[in-house]
Protein backbone atom coordinates (compact mmCIF):
# COMPACT_ATOMS: atom_id res chain seq x y z
CA UNK A 1 0.00 0.00 0.00
CA UNK A 2 2.72 2.48 1.01
CA UNK A 3 4.80 1.47 -1.98
CA UNK A 4 1.95 2.15 -4.42
CA UNK A 5 1.28 5.54 -2.80
CA UNK A 6 4.94 6.46 -3.15
CA UNK A 7 4.98 5.46 -6.81
CA UNK A 8 1.76 7.39 -7.44
CA UNK A 9 3.22 10.49 -5.79
CA UNK A 10 6.42 10.23 -7.86
CA UNK A 11 4.47 9.85 -11.10
CA UNK A 12 2.33 12.85 -10.15
CA UNK A 13 5.40 15.01 -9.50
CA UNK A 14 6.93 13.89 -12.80
CA UNK A 15 3.80 14.88 -14.69
CA UNK A 16 3.80 18.31 -13.06
CA UNK A 17 7.46 18.75 -14.02
CA UNK A 18 6.75 17.73 -17.58
CA UNK A 19 3.87 20.18 -17.87
CA UNK A 20 5.82 23.16 -16.50
CA UNK A 21 8.90 22.27 -18.54
CA UNK A 22 6.79 21.90 -21.68
CA UNK A 23 5.20 25.30 -21.09
CA UNK A 24 8.62 26.87 -20.53
CA UNK A 25 9.92 25.27 -23.73
CA UNK A 26 6.93 26.64 -25.66
CA UNK A 27 7.73 30.10 -24.31
CA UNK A 28 11.34 29.64 -25.41
CA UNK A 29 10.16 28.72 -28.91
CA UNK A 30 8.24 32.02 -28.97
CA UNK A 31 11.45 33.77 -27.82
CA UNK A 32 9.70 34.78 -24.62
CA UNK A 33 12.79 34.24 -22.49
CA UNK A 34 11.50 36.11 -19.47
CA UNK A 35 8.33 34.01 -19.15
CA UNK A 36 10.23 30.76 -19.75
CA UNK A 37 12.72 31.68 -17.04
CA UNK A 38 9.93 32.60 -14.60
CA UNK A 39 8.22 29.23 -15.11
CA UNK A 40 11.45 27.32 -14.63
CA UNK A 41 12.50 29.29 -11.55
CA UNK A 42 9.17 28.60 -9.86
CA UNK A 43 9.50 24.94 -10.76
CA UNK A 44 12.98 24.51 -9.30
CA UNK A 45 12.07 26.53 -6.21
CA UNK A 46 9.44 23.91 -5.44
CA UNK A 47 11.75 21.01 -6.22
CA UNK A 48 15.36 21.58 -7.24
CA UNK A 49 15.72 18.02 -8.50
CA UNK A 50 14.17 18.61 -11.90
CA UNK A 51 16.47 17.60 -14.76
CA UNK A 52 14.03 18.76 -17.42
CA UNK A 53 13.98 22.30 -16.05
CA UNK A 54 17.77 22.48 -15.94
CA UNK A 55 17.88 21.19 -19.53
CA UNK A 56 15.52 23.95 -20.69
CA UNK A 57 17.64 26.48 -18.77
CA UNK A 58 20.63 25.25 -20.81
CA UNK A 59 18.66 25.81 -24.01
CA UNK A 60 17.77 29.35 -22.93
CA UNK A 61 21.34 30.28 -22.01
CA UNK A 62 22.71 28.88 -25.27
CA UNK A 63 20.09 30.53 -27.49
CA UNK A 64 21.69 33.07 -29.85
CA UNK A 65 18.87 35.60 -29.32
CA UNK A 66 18.99 35.50 -25.51
CA UNK A 67 20.41 38.84 -24.28
CA UNK A 68 22.25 37.23 -21.36
CA UNK A 69 23.59 34.36 -23.47
CA UNK A 70 26.34 32.48 -21.70
CA UNK A 71 27.87 29.27 -22.97
CA UNK A 72 29.42 28.67 -19.55
CA UNK A 73 26.02 28.90 -17.84
CA UNK A 74 24.45 26.68 -20.48
CA UNK A 75 27.17 24.10 -19.87
CA UNK A 76 26.62 24.31 -16.10
CA UNK A 77 22.88 23.73 -16.52
CA UNK A 78 23.23 20.82 -18.95
CA UNK A 79 25.74 19.12 -16.62
CA UNK A 80 23.35 19.61 -13.70
CA UNK A 81 20.49 18.14 -15.74
CA UNK A 82 22.60 15.15 -16.70
CA UNK A 83 23.68 14.45 -13.09
CA UNK A 84 20.08 14.65 -11.88
CA UNK A 85 18.84 12.46 -14.73
CA UNK A 86 21.44 9.79 -13.96
CA UNK A 87 20.67 9.83 -10.24
CA UNK A 88 16.92 9.55 -10.93
CA UNK A 89 17.36 6.61 -13.30
């Protein structure tokens, strides 16, 4: 019983992550960097272990049209996403 509740809770959290990350990615596609960043920041404030959010952050910081573009920051975020993905798998 406890095991199934834990699994259900984890799946629920994953679906919430996916939804927020998807919305942030859509904002990125529209070049709405500010809104994408806001969505991702709120997401990682709630739960910092969110590899999808860190991946989208890496896409934002590596985007050629992003005013604060930083390859170093993009690299930091993609490495963080990879570490979290590996630890979650």
